[in-house]
Amino acid sequence: KSLLTQPSADDFSAVASANKSISKPGSYDFTLLVTCKNPLLDVKIEQNSQQLYVKFDRFVEKEFTVSNVIAVGATIPEGNNLTMGTPYSNVSEVTVSGPETEVNQIDSVVVSADINKELTDGETFDGSIVFKNANGDQLNLSHVSTSTNTTEAVSVTIPVRTTKEFKG
């Protein structure tokens, strides 16, 4: 009577070998070799060797001062003697960490909030951290993480004041 063993991940080994020496950040080709470690399994591994393309980079951490706070779509009604002040954020410093090639693309950090609302009083909204390159274009960096000068969620406050005209 023969026992049929269910294969598991522990029954196999995958080893990646660099095709050349790795001495600095860059892109390298690796060969991946998959083998069965369990002699009780009767398996045939098809294409047991494949090529991998791996990118190595340095890990860096860089501090940025928030250069601008943007409130998109915030308006005030006309004729109510209201004035909208300059938006401000609870975040003034951002530390960015991750791959050097991504972090070095960042020229400035802004805090942005999508308001799209008419305001009659000052109000605070959820904000987000936005990275910009030297051309002012928004960057979508997938491998960086951020920390801020506050433990609170990023927010944008828009002050709205009533103005009066005095005639003398």
Protein backbone atom coordinates (compact mmCIF):
# COMPACT_ATOMS: atom_id res chain seq x y z
CA LYS A 1 0.00 0.00 0.00
CA SER A 2 1.49 3.36 -0.98
CA LEU A 3 0.86 6.65 0.78
CA LEU A 4 0.28 9.69 -1.36
CA THR A 5 1.86 12.76 0.21
CA GLN A 6 0.37 16.18 -0.42
CA PRO A 7 3.20 18.55 -1.47
CA SER A 8 3.72 21.73 0.54
CA ALA A 9 5.94 24.78 0.18
CA ASP A 10 8.42 23.19 2.61
CA ASP A 11 9.03 20.42 0.08
CA PHE A 12 10.60 22.79 -2.43
CA SER A 13 13.58 25.07 -2.55
CA ALA A 14 14.06 28.16 -4.71
CA VAL A 15 17.54 29.66 -4.96
CA ALA A 16 18.34 32.87 -6.80
CA SER A 17 21.93 33.29 -7.98
CA ALA A 18 23.30 36.57 -9.31
CA ASN A 19 24.81 36.29 -12.75
CA LYS A 20 27.56 38.75 -11.73
CA SER A 21 28.97 40.29 -8.58
CA ILE A 22 26.81 42.88 -6.79
CA SER A 23 28.92 45.74 -5.44
CA LYS A 24 26.72 48.82 -5.81
CA PRO A 25 23.09 49.87 -6.39
CA GLY A 26 21.80 48.96 -9.81
CA SER A 27 19.85 46.38 -11.79
CA TYR A 28 21.02 42.79 -11.93
CA ASP A 29 19.94 39.52 -13.58
CA PHE A 30 19.48 36.45 -11.39
CA THR A 31 18.88 32.82 -12.26
CA LEU A 32 16.18 31.15 -10.16
CA LEU A 33 16.54 27.40 -9.66
CA VAL A 34 13.64 25.41 -8.14
CA THR A 35 14.23 21.91 -6.73
CA CYS A 36 12.23 19.35 -4.76
CA LYS A 37 13.75 18.59 -1.33
CA ASN A 38 11.37 15.75 -0.44
CA PRO A 39 12.57 12.39 -1.86
CA LEU A 40 9.14 10.85 -1.17
CA LEU A 41 7.50 13.10 -3.75
CA ASP A 42 7.54 12.00 -7.34
CA VAL A 43 7.42 15.37 -9.06
CA LYS A 44 8.83 16.77 -12.25
CA ILE A 45 9.61 20.47 -12.21
CA GLU A 46 9.15 22.01 -15.62
CA GLN A 47 11.30 25.03 -16.42
CA ASN A 48 13.25 24.74 -13.19
CA SER A 49 15.46 27.67 -14.19
CA GLN A 50 14.13 31.16 -14.86
CA GLN A 51 15.62 34.63 -15.14
CA LEU A 52 14.79 37.36 -12.63
CA TYR A 53 15.51 41.06 -12.95
CA VAL A 54 16.27 42.62 -9.54
CA LYS A 55 16.93 46.26 -8.72
CA PHE A 56 19.07 47.17 -5.69
CA ASP A 57 19.11 50.62 -4.13
CA ARG A 58 20.32 52.37 -1.01
CA PHE A 59 17.87 53.16 1.80
CA VAL A 60 17.83 56.87 2.65
CA GLU A 61 15.87 59.20 4.89
CA LYS A 62 15.36 62.89 4.06
CA GLU A 63 13.48 65.69 5.81
CA PHE A 64 11.31 68.20 3.96
CA THR A 65 9.50 71.33 5.08
CA VAL A 66 5.96 71.59 3.69
CA SER A 67 6.26 74.25 0.99
CA ASN A 68 2.58 74.87 0.33
CA VAL A 69 -0.92 74.00 1.56
CA ILE A 70 -3.52 73.62 -1.18
CA ALA A 71 -7.31 73.66 -0.66
CA VAL A 72 -8.87 72.51 -3.94
CA GLY A 73 -12.36 73.82 -4.66
CA ALA A 74 -12.86 75.91 -1.51
CA THR A 75 -15.08 78.95 -2.18
CA ILE A 76 -17.07 81.49 -0.20
CA PRO A 77 -20.47 82.92 -1.17
CA GLU A 78 -20.43 86.38 -2.75
CA GLY A 79 -22.03 89.31 -0.99
CA ASN A 80 -21.82 88.00 2.58
CA ASN A 81 -18.82 90.10 3.64
CA LEU A 82 -16.75 86.93 4.06
CA THR A 83 -13.01 86.62 3.47
CA MET A 84 -11.19 83.33 3.06
CA GLY A 85 -7.79 83.25 4.75
CA THR A 86 -4.72 81.29 3.72
CA PRO A 87 -5.13 77.55 4.25
CA TYR A 88 -2.76 75.96 6.77
CA SER A 89 -1.94 72.44 7.90
CA ASN A 90 -1.11 70.71 11.16
CA VAL A 91 1.88 69.19 9.32
CA SER A 92 4.93 71.39 8.73
CA GLU A 93 7.71 68.79 8.41
CA VAL A 94 7.74 65.45 6.61
CA THR A 95 10.42 62.77 6.82
CA VAL A 96 10.54 60.55 3.74
CA SER A 97 12.37 57.22 3.76
CA GLY A 98 12.87 54.61 1.08
CA PRO A 99 14.94 53.84 -2.01
CA GLU A 100 17.42 56.61 -2.82
CA THR A 101 16.33 56.81 -6.48
CA GLU A 102 12.73 57.57 -5.44
CA VAL A 103 13.50 59.91 -2.52
CA ASN A 104 15.91 61.93 -4.70
CA GLN A 105 13.09 62.66 -7.19
CA ILE A 106 11.29 64.74 -4.54
CA ASP A 107 11.87 68.48 -4.91
CA SER A 108 9.06 69.69 -2.65
CA VAL A 109 6.29 68.44 -0.37
CA VAL A 110 2.83 70.00 -0.23
CA VAL A 111 -0.28 69.22 1.78
CA SER A 112 -3.47 69.09 -0.25
CA ALA A 113 -7.18 68.73 0.53
CA ASP A 114 -10.06 68.27 -1.91
CA ILE A 115 -12.73 70.61 -0.51
CA ASN A 116 -15.14 71.30 -3.37
CA LYS A 117 -17.47 73.16 -1.04
CA GLU A 118 -18.74 76.67 -0.38
CA LEU A 119 -17.67 77.77 3.11
CA THR A 120 -19.41 80.23 5.42
CA ASP A 121 -17.24 79.44 8.47
CA GLY A 122 -13.71 78.25 8.99
CA GLU A 123 -13.43 74.49 8.68
CA THR A 124 -10.86 71.69 8.92
CA PHE A 125 -10.63 68.90 6.32
CA ASP A 126 -8.63 65.69 5.86
CA GLY A 127 -5.47 66.36 3.89
CA SER A 128 -2.82 64.31 2.13
CA ILE A 129 0.90 64.63 1.56
CA VAL A 130 1.84 65.20 -2.08
CA PHE A 131 5.36 64.90 -3.52
CA LYS A 132 6.40 67.18 -6.40
CA ASN A 133 9.41 66.99 -8.70
CA ALA A 134 11.51 69.98 -9.84
CA ASN A 135 8.97 70.70 -12.64
CA GLY A 136 6.10 70.85 -10.12
CA ASP A 137 4.61 67.58 -11.35
CA GLN A 138 3.06 65.22 -8.80
CA LEU A 139 5.10 62.07 -8.15
CA ASN A 140 3.57 58.66 -7.51
CA LEU A 141 6.21 56.95 -5.40
CA SER A 142 5.24 53.44 -4.38
CA HIS A 143 8.17 52.44 -2.21
CA VAL A 144 8.58 55.39 0.18
CA SER A 145 7.13 55.89 3.63
CA THR A 146 6.51 59.12 5.51
CA SER A 147 6.40 60.36 9.04
CA THR A 148 5.33 63.83 10.14
CA ASN A 149 5.85 66.23 13.04
CA THR A 150 2.48 65.17 14.49
CA THR A 151 0.83 61.91 15.48
CA GLU A 152 -2.53 63.22 14.26
CA ALA A 153 -3.92 62.63 10.77
CA VAL A 154 -2.91 65.20 8.16
CA SER A 155 -5.44 68.06 8.04
CA VAL A 156 -5.99 71.37 6.26
CA THR A 157 -7.75 74.26 7.97
CA ILE A 158 -9.34 77.08 5.98
CA PRO A 159 -10.06 80.21 8.00
CA VAL A 160 -13.15 82.23 7.00
CA ARG A 161 -13.77 85.63 8.57
CA THR A 162 -16.57 88.17 8.44
CA THR A 163 -15.43 91.61 7.33
CA LYS A 164 -17.17 94.92 8.04
CA GLU A 165 -16.62 98.28 6.45
CA PHE A 166 -16.54 101.29 8.76
CA LYS A 167 -17.34 104.75 7.43
CA GLY A 168 -16.04 107.65 9.44
